[in-house]
């Protein structure tokens, strides 16, 4: 396990402390060129990862970063085009690392950016491949203009046997300053 919040080489979730966890934080984030108040900015760390880092700094969770086997381009427009194609194809992009065994977790914090008002298709790959039945799912997203979009309804349709808790939506441009919102959300959901 690595100290940076990345899964180890085998994709094993990284624990933020030594105690066995009952909470899994799984997230997908894309660095590179991103939307920024109508313009573009290049990010070394994606907005969703910034929010995930705030969560791990506040509470004890195990962390699994969802990474595409075929990484998304750093170029914003190329990523948008690929996302549209994946949506049109109803694709399930492959995930780079072995998936976590979620059996020991009661709660899953599931983070992603909002792309085209919905979850990126790789998130569908993830939720369809792990057994979330009976788990409590708290989605969190970063977005540019759509708020949480259709993310909650996407997950409700894809995970009908999952208990849905409160979601968190963070404007991507403000992700670095979102600590108060993240801490308040974690308190509300009992973490």
N, C-alpha and C. Protein backbone atom coordinates (compact mmCIF):
# COMPACT_ATOMS: atom_id res chain seq x y z
N UNK A 1 0.84 -1.18 0.00
CA UNK A 1 0.00 0.00 0.00
C UNK A 1 0.88 1.23 0.00
N UNK A 2 0.44 2.25 -0.70
CA UNK A 2 1.27 3.43 -0.83
C UNK A 2 0.77 4.55 0.06
N UNK A 3 1.65 5.49 0.45
CA UNK A 3 1.22 6.59 1.30
C UNK A 3 0.51 7.70 0.54
N UNK A 4 0.36 7.60 -0.76
CA UNK A 4 -0.21 8.69 -1.53
C UNK A 4 -1.69 8.54 -1.83
N UNK A 5 -2.31 7.52 -1.30
CA UNK A 5 -3.72 7.31 -1.58
C UNK A 5 -3.94 6.45 -2.80
N UNK A 6 -2.87 5.99 -3.44
CA UNK A 6 -2.98 5.14 -4.61
C UNK A 6 -3.09 3.69 -4.16
N UNK A 7 -3.77 2.83 -4.94
CA UNK A 7 -3.76 1.42 -4.59
C UNK A 7 -2.34 0.89 -4.77
N UNK A 8 -2.03 -0.20 -4.06
CA UNK A 8 -0.72 -0.79 -4.26
C UNK A 8 -0.69 -1.46 -5.63
N UNK A 9 0.39 -2.10 -5.98
CA UNK A 9 0.55 -2.67 -7.32
C UNK A 9 -0.55 -3.66 -7.66
N UNK A 10 -1.09 -4.33 -6.69
CA UNK A 10 -2.14 -5.31 -6.95
C UNK A 10 -3.52 -4.69 -6.94
N UNK A 11 -3.62 -3.38 -6.70
CA UNK A 11 -4.91 -2.72 -6.65
C UNK A 11 -5.61 -2.86 -5.31
N UNK A 12 -4.90 -3.31 -4.31
CA UNK A 12 -5.47 -3.49 -2.99
C UNK A 12 -5.79 -2.14 -2.37
N UNK A 13 -6.96 -2.00 -1.77
CA UNK A 13 -7.26 -0.72 -1.12
C UNK A 13 -6.22 -0.38 -0.07
N UNK A 14 -5.90 0.90 0.02
CA UNK A 14 -4.94 1.41 1.01
C UNK A 14 -5.73 1.88 2.22
N UNK A 15 -5.31 1.47 3.39
CA UNK A 15 -5.97 1.89 4.62
C UNK A 15 -5.32 3.17 5.13
N UNK A 16 -6.14 4.08 5.66
CA UNK A 16 -5.61 5.32 6.20
C UNK A 16 -5.22 5.17 7.66
N UNK A 17 -5.43 3.99 8.24
CA UNK A 17 -4.93 3.72 9.58
C UNK A 17 -4.71 2.22 9.70
N UNK A 18 -4.32 1.77 10.86
CA UNK A 18 -4.01 0.36 11.04
C UNK A 18 -5.23 -0.49 11.36
N UNK A 19 -6.33 0.12 11.76
CA UNK A 19 -7.52 -0.65 12.13
C UNK A 19 -8.24 -1.13 10.88
N UNK A 20 -8.84 -2.33 10.96
CA UNK A 20 -9.61 -2.79 9.81
C UNK A 20 -10.77 -1.84 9.57
N UNK A 21 -11.04 -1.54 8.32
CA UNK A 21 -12.07 -0.56 8.00
C UNK A 21 -13.39 -1.19 7.68
N UNK A 22 -14.42 -0.45 7.88
CA UNK A 22 -15.74 -0.84 7.43
C UNK A 22 -16.22 0.12 6.35
N UNK A 23 -15.39 1.12 6.03
CA UNK A 23 -15.75 2.12 5.02
C UNK A 23 -14.72 2.06 3.89
N UNK A 24 -15.21 1.92 2.67
CA UNK A 24 -14.36 1.96 1.49
C UNK A 24 -14.62 3.26 0.76
N UNK A 25 -13.56 3.96 0.44
CA UNK A 25 -13.62 5.14 -0.42
C UNK A 25 -13.07 4.70 -1.77
N UNK A 26 -13.93 4.62 -2.77
CA UNK A 26 -13.53 4.27 -4.13
C UNK A 26 -13.82 5.47 -5.02
N UNK A 27 -12.83 5.88 -5.80
CA UNK A 27 -13.07 7.07 -6.61
C UNK A 27 -12.30 7.00 -7.93
N UNK A 28 -12.85 7.73 -8.90
CA UNK A 28 -12.21 7.92 -10.20
C UNK A 28 -11.98 9.42 -10.36
N UNK A 29 -10.79 9.79 -10.78
CA UNK A 29 -10.45 11.20 -10.98
C UNK A 29 -9.53 11.31 -12.18
N UNK A 30 -9.64 12.40 -12.91
CA UNK A 30 -8.79 12.59 -14.09
C UNK A 30 -8.03 13.90 -13.98
N UNK A 31 -6.69 13.82 -13.87
CA UNK A 31 -5.89 15.05 -13.95
C UNK A 31 -5.78 15.48 -15.41
N UNK A 32 -5.03 16.52 -15.65
CA UNK A 32 -4.87 17.02 -17.02
C UNK A 32 -5.69 18.28 -17.21
N UNK A 33 -5.97 18.57 -18.45
CA UNK A 33 -6.73 19.77 -18.78
C UNK A 33 -8.19 19.59 -18.34
N UNK A 34 -8.69 20.52 -17.55
CA UNK A 34 -10.04 20.47 -17.01
C UNK A 34 -10.76 21.78 -17.26
N UNK A 35 -12.09 21.71 -17.21
CA UNK A 35 -12.93 22.90 -17.30
C UNK A 35 -12.63 23.79 -16.10
N UNK A 36 -12.58 25.10 -16.33
CA UNK A 36 -12.30 26.03 -15.24
C UNK A 36 -13.00 27.35 -15.52
N UNK A 37 -14.19 27.53 -14.91
CA UNK A 37 -14.97 28.76 -15.07
C UNK A 37 -15.06 29.20 -16.53
N UNK A 38 -15.45 28.30 -17.40
CA UNK A 38 -15.63 28.60 -18.81
C UNK A 38 -14.36 28.51 -19.63
N UNK A 39 -13.24 28.30 -19.01
CA UNK A 39 -11.96 28.19 -19.69
C UNK A 39 -11.38 26.82 -19.39
N UNK A 40 -10.09 26.66 -19.50
CA UNK A 40 -9.41 25.40 -19.20
C UNK A 40 -8.23 25.67 -18.28
N UNK A 41 -7.92 24.67 -17.45
CA UNK A 41 -6.77 24.72 -16.56
C UNK A 41 -6.18 23.31 -16.53
N UNK A 42 -4.88 23.22 -16.40
CA UNK A 42 -4.23 21.91 -16.30
C UNK A 42 -4.01 21.58 -14.83
N UNK A 43 -4.53 20.43 -14.42
CA UNK A 43 -4.44 19.98 -13.03
C UNK A 43 -3.50 18.79 -12.93
N UNK A 44 -2.58 18.84 -11.98
CA UNK A 44 -1.73 17.67 -11.73
C UNK A 44 -2.49 16.63 -10.92
N UNK A 45 -3.42 17.07 -10.11
CA UNK A 45 -4.28 16.20 -9.32
C UNK A 45 -5.72 16.56 -9.69
N UNK A 46 -6.49 15.56 -10.09
CA UNK A 46 -7.87 15.81 -10.48
C UNK A 46 -8.72 16.29 -9.32
N UNK A 47 -9.80 16.98 -9.64
CA UNK A 47 -10.68 17.55 -8.61
C UNK A 47 -11.28 16.49 -7.69
N UNK A 48 -11.71 15.37 -8.25
CA UNK A 48 -12.31 14.34 -7.41
C UNK A 48 -11.27 13.75 -6.46
N UNK A 49 -10.04 13.61 -6.91
CA UNK A 49 -8.99 13.13 -6.00
C UNK A 49 -8.74 14.14 -4.89
N UNK A 50 -8.84 15.43 -5.19
CA UNK A 50 -8.68 16.44 -4.13
C UNK A 50 -9.74 16.25 -3.04
N UNK A 51 -10.97 15.99 -3.44
CA UNK A 51 -12.04 15.76 -2.47
C UNK A 51 -11.78 14.46 -1.71
N UNK A 52 -11.35 13.42 -2.43
CA UNK A 52 -11.02 12.15 -1.77
C UNK A 52 -9.91 12.35 -0.74
N UNK A 53 -8.91 13.16 -1.08
CA UNK A 53 -7.83 13.44 -0.13
C UNK A 53 -8.34 14.17 1.11
N UNK A 54 -9.32 15.06 0.93
CA UNK A 54 -9.92 15.73 2.08
C UNK A 54 -10.66 14.73 2.97
N UNK A 55 -11.31 13.77 2.36
CA UNK A 55 -12.02 12.74 3.12
C UNK A 55 -11.02 11.92 3.93
N UNK A 56 -9.94 11.49 3.29
CA UNK A 56 -8.97 10.65 4.00
C UNK A 56 -8.23 11.42 5.09
N UNK A 57 -8.16 12.73 4.95
CA UNK A 57 -7.52 13.55 5.99
C UNK A 57 -8.45 13.74 7.19
N UNK A 58 -9.73 13.43 7.01
CA UNK A 58 -10.72 13.70 8.05
C UNK A 58 -11.19 12.44 8.77
N UNK A 59 -11.25 11.32 8.06
CA UNK A 59 -11.82 10.12 8.65
C UNK A 59 -11.06 8.88 8.19
N UNK A 60 -11.22 7.80 8.91
CA UNK A 60 -10.53 6.55 8.62
C UNK A 60 -11.32 5.74 7.60
N UNK A 61 -10.73 5.54 6.44
CA UNK A 61 -11.35 4.76 5.37
C UNK A 61 -10.26 3.98 4.65
N UNK A 62 -10.67 2.94 3.95
CA UNK A 62 -9.78 2.27 3.01
C UNK A 62 -10.01 2.92 1.65
N UNK A 63 -8.94 3.05 0.87
CA UNK A 63 -9.01 3.80 -0.39
C UNK A 63 -8.69 2.90 -1.57
N UNK A 64 -9.53 2.99 -2.60
CA UNK A 64 -9.29 2.32 -3.87
C UNK A 64 -9.49 3.35 -4.98
N UNK A 65 -8.44 3.62 -5.74
CA UNK A 65 -8.56 4.55 -6.86
C UNK A 65 -8.88 3.76 -8.11
N UNK A 66 -9.97 4.13 -8.75
CA UNK A 66 -10.39 3.51 -10.00
C UNK A 66 -9.60 4.17 -11.12
N UNK A 67 -8.81 3.38 -11.82
CA UNK A 67 -8.01 3.90 -12.93
C UNK A 67 -8.34 3.13 -14.19
N UNK A 68 -8.47 3.83 -15.29
CA UNK A 68 -8.77 3.19 -16.57
C UNK A 68 -7.56 2.42 -17.08
N UNK A 69 -7.79 1.20 -17.58
CA UNK A 69 -6.71 0.42 -18.18
C UNK A 69 -6.15 1.17 -19.39
N UNK A 70 -7.01 1.86 -20.11
CA UNK A 70 -6.60 2.74 -21.21
C UNK A 70 -6.85 4.16 -20.69
N UNK A 71 -5.81 4.81 -20.13
CA UNK A 71 -6.01 6.12 -19.49
C UNK A 71 -6.68 7.14 -20.40
N UNK A 72 -7.49 7.97 -19.78
CA UNK A 72 -8.14 9.05 -20.53
C UNK A 72 -7.09 10.08 -20.91
N UNK A 73 -7.26 10.73 -22.07
CA UNK A 73 -6.27 11.72 -22.51
C UNK A 73 -6.18 12.91 -21.54
N UNK A 74 -5.02 13.53 -21.49
CA UNK A 74 -4.84 14.75 -20.70
C UNK A 74 -5.61 15.91 -21.34
N UNK A 75 -5.81 15.87 -22.64
CA UNK A 75 -6.52 16.92 -23.38
C UNK A 75 -8.02 16.85 -23.09
N UNK A 76 -8.58 17.98 -22.68
CA UNK A 76 -9.99 18.05 -22.29
C UNK A 76 -10.92 17.64 -23.44
N UNK A 77 -10.74 18.24 -24.61
CA UNK A 77 -11.64 17.96 -25.74
C UNK A 77 -11.56 16.50 -26.17
N UNK A 78 -10.38 15.92 -26.13
CA UNK A 78 -10.24 14.49 -26.49
C UNK A 78 -10.94 13.61 -25.46
N UNK A 79 -10.88 13.99 -24.19
CA UNK A 79 -11.59 13.23 -23.16
C UNK A 79 -13.09 13.35 -23.35
N UNK A 80 -13.57 14.55 -23.65
CA UNK A 80 -15.00 14.74 -23.90
C UNK A 80 -15.45 13.87 -25.07
N UNK A 81 -14.68 13.87 -26.15
CA UNK A 81 -15.03 13.06 -27.32
C UNK A 81 -15.05 11.57 -26.98
N UNK A 82 -14.06 11.12 -26.22
CA UNK A 82 -14.03 9.70 -25.83
C UNK A 82 -15.22 9.36 -24.95
N UNK A 83 -15.55 10.25 -24.00
CA UNK A 83 -16.68 10.01 -23.13
C UNK A 83 -17.98 9.90 -23.93
N UNK A 84 -18.19 10.79 -24.87
CA UNK A 84 -19.40 10.74 -25.70
C UNK A 84 -19.46 9.43 -26.46
N UNK A 85 -18.33 9.00 -27.02
CA UNK A 85 -18.29 7.73 -27.74
C UNK A 85 -18.61 6.56 -26.81
N UNK A 86 -18.04 6.58 -25.60
CA UNK A 86 -18.33 5.51 -24.64
C UNK A 86 -19.81 5.49 -24.26
N UNK A 87 -20.41 6.67 -24.10
CA UNK A 87 -21.84 6.73 -23.80
C UNK A 87 -22.66 6.19 -24.96
N UNK A 88 -22.33 6.61 -26.18
CA UNK A 88 -23.06 6.14 -27.37
C UNK A 88 -22.96 4.63 -27.53
N UNK A 89 -21.79 4.07 -27.16
CA UNK A 89 -21.57 2.62 -27.28
C UNK A 89 -22.06 1.85 -26.05
N UNK A 90 -22.53 2.56 -25.03
CA UNK A 90 -22.86 1.95 -23.74
C UNK A 90 -21.69 1.09 -23.26
N UNK A 91 -20.49 1.64 -23.40
CA UNK A 91 -19.24 0.93 -23.11
C UNK A 91 -19.03 0.74 -21.61
N UNK A 92 -18.21 -0.23 -21.29
CA UNK A 92 -17.75 -0.46 -19.92
C UNK A 92 -16.22 -0.50 -19.98
N UNK A 93 -15.58 0.68 -19.88
CA UNK A 93 -14.12 0.74 -19.96
C UNK A 93 -13.46 -0.13 -18.89
N UNK A 94 -12.41 -0.82 -19.28
CA UNK A 94 -11.70 -1.70 -18.35
C UNK A 94 -11.00 -0.89 -17.27
N UNK A 95 -10.94 -1.49 -16.09
CA UNK A 95 -10.25 -0.89 -14.94
C UNK A 95 -8.87 -1.51 -14.83
N UNK A 96 -7.86 -0.69 -14.55
CA UNK A 96 -6.46 -1.10 -14.59
C UNK A 96 -6.08 -2.12 -13.52
N UNK A 97 -6.60 -1.99 -12.33
CA UNK A 97 -6.17 -2.84 -11.21
C UNK A 97 -7.28 -3.80 -10.80
N UNK A 98 -6.90 -4.91 -10.16
CA UNK A 98 -7.93 -5.81 -9.64
C UNK A 98 -8.89 -5.05 -8.72
N UNK A 99 -10.14 -5.41 -8.80
CA UNK A 99 -11.16 -4.73 -8.01
C UNK A 99 -11.07 -5.14 -6.55
N UNK A 100 -11.47 -4.25 -5.65
CA UNK A 100 -11.44 -4.59 -4.22
C UNK A 100 -12.55 -5.58 -3.87
N UNK A 101 -12.30 -6.36 -2.84
CA UNK A 101 -13.33 -7.22 -2.27
C UNK A 101 -14.13 -6.35 -1.31
N UNK A 102 -15.35 -6.06 -1.67
CA UNK A 102 -16.14 -5.14 -0.85
C UNK A 102 -16.94 -5.85 0.24
N UNK A 103 -16.78 -7.15 0.37
CA UNK A 103 -17.58 -7.92 1.33
C UNK A 103 -17.42 -7.42 2.76
N UNK A 104 -16.24 -6.96 3.13
CA UNK A 104 -16.01 -6.56 4.53
C UNK A 104 -16.45 -5.13 4.84
N UNK A 105 -16.96 -4.42 3.86
CA UNK A 105 -17.36 -3.04 4.06
C UNK A 105 -18.87 -2.92 4.22
N UNK A 106 -19.26 -2.01 5.11
CA UNK A 106 -20.68 -1.69 5.30
C UNK A 106 -21.06 -0.47 4.47
N UNK A 107 -20.10 0.45 4.32
CA UNK A 107 -20.34 1.74 3.68
C UNK A 107 -19.33 1.93 2.56
N UNK A 108 -19.81 2.45 1.43
CA UNK A 108 -18.93 2.78 0.31
C UNK A 108 -19.16 4.24 -0.05
N UNK A 109 -18.08 5.02 0.00
CA UNK A 109 -18.09 6.39 -0.49
C UNK A 109 -17.59 6.29 -1.92
N UNK A 110 -18.40 6.69 -2.89
CA UNK A 110 -18.09 6.47 -4.29
C UNK A 110 -17.99 7.81 -5.01
N UNK A 111 -16.78 8.16 -5.43
CA UNK A 111 -16.54 9.48 -6.01
C UNK A 111 -16.18 9.46 -7.47
N UNK A 112 -16.63 10.49 -8.17
CA UNK A 112 -16.30 10.65 -9.59
C UNK A 112 -16.63 12.07 -10.03
N UNK A 113 -16.07 12.47 -11.17
CA UNK A 113 -16.54 13.71 -11.79
C UNK A 113 -17.88 13.46 -12.47
N UNK A 114 -18.62 14.50 -12.71
CA UNK A 114 -19.84 14.41 -13.51
C UNK A 114 -19.46 14.74 -14.95
N UNK A 115 -19.67 13.79 -15.83
CA UNK A 115 -19.37 13.99 -17.25
C UNK A 115 -20.67 13.91 -18.03
N UNK A 116 -20.95 14.96 -18.76
CA UNK A 116 -22.17 15.02 -19.57
C UNK A 116 -23.40 14.72 -18.72
N UNK A 117 -23.44 15.31 -17.54
CA UNK A 117 -24.54 15.26 -16.59
C UNK A 117 -24.73 13.88 -15.95
N UNK A 118 -23.79 12.98 -16.10
CA UNK A 118 -23.95 11.64 -15.53
C UNK A 118 -22.61 11.06 -15.09
N UNK A 119 -22.65 9.83 -14.61
CA UNK A 119 -21.41 9.16 -14.21
C UNK A 119 -20.59 8.83 -15.45
N UNK A 120 -19.26 8.94 -15.36
CA UNK A 120 -18.43 8.42 -16.45
C UNK A 120 -18.70 6.92 -16.60
N UNK A 121 -18.59 6.40 -17.79
CA UNK A 121 -18.91 4.99 -18.03
C UNK A 121 -18.04 4.04 -17.21
N UNK A 122 -16.84 4.44 -16.87
CA UNK A 122 -15.98 3.58 -16.05
C UNK A 122 -16.59 3.34 -14.67
N UNK A 123 -17.40 4.25 -14.19
CA UNK A 123 -18.07 4.04 -12.91
C UNK A 123 -19.12 2.94 -13.03
N UNK A 124 -19.70 2.80 -14.19
CA UNK A 124 -20.64 1.71 -14.42
C UNK A 124 -19.90 0.38 -14.43
N UNK A 125 -18.70 0.39 -15.02
CA UNK A 125 -17.86 -0.82 -14.97
C UNK A 125 -17.67 -1.23 -13.51
N UNK A 126 -17.32 -0.27 -12.67
CA UNK A 126 -17.03 -0.56 -11.26
C UNK A 126 -18.25 -1.09 -10.52
N UNK A 127 -19.37 -0.36 -10.56
CA UNK A 127 -20.52 -0.77 -9.75
C UNK A 127 -21.16 -2.06 -10.25
N UNK A 128 -21.00 -2.37 -11.52
CA UNK A 128 -21.53 -3.63 -12.04
C UNK A 128 -20.62 -4.81 -11.71
N UNK A 129 -19.36 -4.54 -11.38
CA UNK A 129 -18.38 -5.61 -11.16
C UNK A 129 -18.19 -5.97 -9.69
N UNK A 130 -18.58 -5.07 -8.78
CA UNK A 130 -18.45 -5.37 -7.35
C UNK A 130 -19.86 -5.57 -6.78
N UNK A 131 -19.95 -6.33 -5.72
CA UNK A 131 -21.25 -6.62 -5.12
C UNK A 131 -21.57 -5.58 -4.05
N UNK A 132 -22.44 -4.64 -4.39
CA UNK A 132 -22.83 -3.58 -3.46
C UNK A 132 -24.16 -3.88 -2.76
N UNK A 133 -24.69 -5.08 -2.95
CA UNK A 133 -25.96 -5.43 -2.33
C UNK A 133 -25.87 -5.28 -0.81
N UNK A 134 -26.83 -4.52 -0.26
CA UNK A 134 -26.90 -4.31 1.18
C UNK A 134 -25.93 -3.28 1.73
N UNK A 135 -25.04 -2.76 0.89
CA UNK A 135 -24.10 -1.73 1.34
C UNK A 135 -24.81 -0.38 1.35
N UNK A 136 -24.32 0.53 2.18
CA UNK A 136 -24.81 1.91 2.13
C UNK A 136 -23.85 2.68 1.24
N UNK A 137 -24.39 3.29 0.21
CA UNK A 137 -23.59 4.02 -0.78
C UNK A 137 -23.82 5.52 -0.62
N UNK A 138 -22.72 6.25 -0.46
CA UNK A 138 -22.77 7.71 -0.41
C UNK A 138 -21.96 8.23 -1.60
N UNK A 139 -22.62 8.64 -2.68
CA UNK A 139 -21.89 9.20 -3.81
C UNK A 139 -21.35 10.59 -3.49
N UNK A 140 -20.19 10.90 -4.04
CA UNK A 140 -19.70 12.28 -4.04
C UNK A 140 -19.14 12.57 -5.41
N UNK A 141 -19.37 13.80 -5.85
CA UNK A 141 -18.97 14.18 -7.21
C UNK A 141 -18.31 15.55 -7.21
N UNK A 142 -17.54 15.76 -8.26
CA UNK A 142 -17.11 17.11 -8.61
C UNK A 142 -17.74 17.41 -9.96
N UNK A 143 -18.10 18.66 -10.16
CA UNK A 143 -18.83 19.02 -11.36
C UNK A 143 -18.42 20.41 -11.84
N UNK A 144 -18.78 20.71 -13.09
CA UNK A 144 -18.50 22.03 -13.65
C UNK A 144 -19.76 22.91 -13.64
N UNK A 145 -20.86 22.40 -14.18
CA UNK A 145 -22.07 23.22 -14.27
C UNK A 145 -23.35 22.48 -13.89
N UNK A 146 -23.31 21.16 -13.77
CA UNK A 146 -24.54 20.37 -13.66
C UNK A 146 -24.93 19.96 -12.25
N UNK A 147 -24.14 20.33 -11.25
CA UNK A 147 -24.41 19.78 -9.92
C UNK A 147 -24.24 18.27 -9.97
N UNK A 148 -25.01 17.55 -9.20
CA UNK A 148 -24.86 16.09 -9.17
C UNK A 148 -25.43 15.43 -10.41
N UNK A 149 -26.17 16.19 -11.23
CA UNK A 149 -26.68 15.64 -12.48
C UNK A 149 -27.54 14.42 -12.25
N UNK A 150 -27.32 13.39 -13.08
CA UNK A 150 -28.08 12.13 -12.99
C UNK A 150 -27.32 11.05 -12.22
N UNK A 151 -26.28 11.43 -11.52
CA UNK A 151 -25.44 10.44 -10.84
C UNK A 151 -26.25 9.58 -9.88
N UNK A 152 -27.06 10.19 -9.04
CA UNK A 152 -27.86 9.41 -8.08
C UNK A 152 -28.81 8.46 -8.79
N UNK A 153 -29.48 8.93 -9.83
CA UNK A 153 -30.41 8.04 -10.54
C UNK A 153 -29.65 6.97 -11.32
N UNK A 154 -28.45 7.28 -11.84
CA UNK A 154 -27.63 6.24 -12.49
C UNK A 154 -27.34 5.12 -11.52
N UNK A 155 -26.85 5.47 -10.33
CA UNK A 155 -26.51 4.45 -9.34
C UNK A 155 -27.75 3.70 -8.85
N UNK A 156 -28.86 4.40 -8.66
CA UNK A 156 -30.08 3.73 -8.22
C UNK A 156 -30.52 2.68 -9.22
N UNK A 157 -30.37 2.99 -10.50
CA UNK A 157 -30.73 2.03 -11.54
C UNK A 157 -29.73 0.88 -11.61
N UNK A 158 -28.45 1.18 -11.47
CA UNK A 158 -27.41 0.17 -11.60
C UNK A 158 -27.24 -0.69 -10.34
N UNK A 159 -27.64 -0.17 -9.20
CA UNK A 159 -27.44 -0.85 -7.91
C UNK A 159 -28.75 -0.91 -7.15
N UNK A 160 -29.74 -1.66 -7.64
CA UNK A 160 -31.06 -1.62 -7.03
C UNK A 160 -31.12 -2.18 -5.61
N UNK A 161 -30.15 -2.99 -5.21
CA UNK A 161 -30.17 -3.60 -3.88
C UNK A 161 -29.25 -2.89 -2.90
N UNK A 162 -28.88 -1.66 -3.23
CA UNK A 162 -27.99 -0.86 -2.41
C UNK A 162 -28.81 0.18 -1.65
N UNK A 163 -28.38 0.48 -0.43
CA UNK A 163 -29.02 1.52 0.37
C UNK A 163 -28.32 2.83 0.03
N UNK A 164 -29.09 3.84 -0.33
CA UNK A 164 -28.48 5.11 -0.72
C UNK A 164 -28.56 6.12 0.42
N UNK A 165 -27.40 6.67 0.74
CA UNK A 165 -27.30 7.71 1.74
C UNK A 165 -27.12 9.06 1.08
N UNK A 166 -26.80 10.03 1.88
CA UNK A 166 -26.65 11.40 1.40
C UNK A 166 -25.45 11.54 0.46
N UNK A 167 -25.64 12.29 -0.60
CA UNK A 167 -24.59 12.57 -1.57
C UNK A 167 -23.94 13.92 -1.28
N UNK A 168 -22.79 14.13 -1.91
CA UNK A 168 -22.08 15.41 -1.82
C UNK A 168 -21.68 15.82 -3.22
N UNK A 169 -21.96 17.06 -3.60
CA UNK A 169 -21.56 17.61 -4.88
C UNK A 169 -20.69 18.84 -4.63
N UNK A 170 -19.49 18.84 -5.22
CA UNK A 170 -18.53 19.93 -5.03
C UNK A 170 -18.19 20.52 -6.40
N UNK A 171 -18.35 21.83 -6.53
CA UNK A 171 -17.93 22.51 -7.75
C UNK A 171 -16.44 22.26 -7.94
N UNK A 172 -16.06 21.72 -9.10
CA UNK A 172 -14.66 21.35 -9.34
C UNK A 172 -13.68 22.46 -9.07
N UNK A 173 -14.01 23.67 -9.47
CA UNK A 173 -13.10 24.79 -9.29
C UNK A 173 -12.84 25.11 -7.82
N UNK A 174 -13.71 24.62 -6.93
CA UNK A 174 -13.56 24.91 -5.50
C UNK A 174 -13.12 23.68 -4.70
N UNK A 175 -12.73 22.61 -5.38
CA UNK A 175 -12.41 21.36 -4.69
C UNK A 175 -11.32 21.53 -3.64
N UNK A 176 -10.32 22.35 -3.93
CA UNK A 176 -9.24 22.55 -2.96
C UNK A 176 -9.71 23.23 -1.68
N UNK A 177 -10.76 24.01 -1.76
CA UNK A 177 -11.26 24.74 -0.61
C UNK A 177 -12.50 24.09 0.01
N UNK A 178 -12.77 22.84 -0.33
CA UNK A 178 -14.03 22.19 0.07
C UNK A 178 -13.99 21.53 1.44
N UNK A 179 -12.90 21.68 2.18
CA UNK A 179 -12.79 21.01 3.48
C UNK A 179 -14.02 21.22 4.37
N UNK A 180 -14.52 22.46 4.57
CA UNK A 180 -15.70 22.62 5.44
C UNK A 180 -16.92 21.83 4.95
N UNK A 181 -17.15 21.82 3.65
CA UNK A 181 -18.29 21.07 3.10
C UNK A 181 -18.09 19.57 3.28
N UNK A 182 -16.87 19.09 3.04
CA UNK A 182 -16.56 17.66 3.19
C UNK A 182 -16.72 17.25 4.65
N UNK A 183 -16.17 18.03 5.56
CA UNK A 183 -16.27 17.69 6.99
C UNK A 183 -17.72 17.69 7.47
N UNK A 184 -18.50 18.67 7.02
CA UNK A 184 -19.92 18.73 7.40
C UNK A 184 -20.67 17.51 6.86
N UNK A 185 -20.40 17.13 5.61
CA UNK A 185 -21.03 15.96 5.01
C UNK A 185 -20.65 14.68 5.78
N UNK A 186 -19.38 14.53 6.11
CA UNK A 186 -18.95 13.35 6.85
C UNK A 186 -19.61 13.27 8.23
N UNK A 187 -19.79 14.40 8.88
CA UNK A 187 -20.50 14.42 10.16
C UNK A 187 -21.96 13.98 9.97
N UNK A 188 -22.60 14.51 8.93
CA UNK A 188 -24.00 14.19 8.69
C UNK A 188 -24.21 12.70 8.40
N UNK A 189 -23.23 12.07 7.76
CA UNK A 189 -23.39 10.65 7.42
C UNK A 189 -22.77 9.74 8.49
N UNK A 190 -22.33 10.34 9.59
CA UNK A 190 -21.85 9.55 10.72
C UNK A 190 -20.42 9.09 10.64
N UNK A 191 -19.61 9.79 9.84
CA UNK A 191 -18.20 9.42 9.74
C UNK A 191 -17.32 10.53 10.27
